[in-house]
Amino acid sequence: MGAATVERLAAEGAEVWAIDVKIDMAKALAERLCSEGRKVHAVRADVTNVDELASAFTAIGDAAGGLDVLVNIAGGSHEGDVSELGAGDWDRYFALNVRSTALACKHAIPLMKTSGGGAVVNMSSISGLKGDPGWGVYNSMKAAIINLTECLAWEVGRDGIRVNAVCPGPIASERMINSLDDAAAMTSKYGAACAVGRLGRPEEVAAAIAFLASDEAGFISGVHLVVDGGLTARTGQPCGFDDRDPLRADATQTKP
């Protein structure tokens, strides 16, 4: 979804700085898009490292002189019941999902004020809206991002900065497919659980992000936009990542 978002924003004419700890992947993406006439730069930083994240934004600010859009996509998940998790599990994924988002906003907002305003789009999940047994860490972090988004929308709204979040459902990303023990069976099951009868595509999440970042969403702030093919429109519909979930009662346990 990160790569798809870089591609979409670059296609819209934005000059994009892609921050990634996997710099080789980011460079390959940037080089390919630049060869197509886009403006994309790769910046290496581990978003869980406070100093590296700050340095990345300093470098971007020095190069660009300001910032119009920030998209926070970095994140990760961890499997385990709350009763089984240790402090390290919570600390690691809080840093990856929530703290990185908050600190990226902290560093980006002054650059947006320099530019006269801007838009922030944070990556949450439908897992931040409902409970999934065995996914307490992930669900808690994604719920925190929704609340953080609402707080920030009020803190910086008078500065001309809008803050929103997207909540994807099951998306056929490379990461998701690789995490499934039986990819064909599970993608079929997840697709059937969605009102539209299929999984989402990374480009469709990127399109939602691009909309929230655009001037067309100028009166939208503090919302979380669900992009899940209608999965959560069904009352009580589980997300289905745990073998205690009815959605996947006949499936093999997956490991993310």
Foldseek 3Di string as FASTA:
>chain_A
DLLLLVVVVQVVVDQEEAEDQPQVVQVVSQVVVVVVVTHYHYQYADLLDLVRLLVRLVVVCVVPVADAEAEADFADFDFFAPVPDDPVVLSVRCSGQPVSLVSNCVSRVVRQLSVQEHEYEYEAAVLCVDPDGRGVSNNVSSVVVLVVQLVVQVVCVVSRYAGEYEHEAFEPDPVVQVQFPDSVVVQQLLQCLAPVSGHHYPNVVSVVVVCRRDCVVSVDHSYYHYHYNRNPVDPPRDSPQDCVHPSAVPGDHTGD
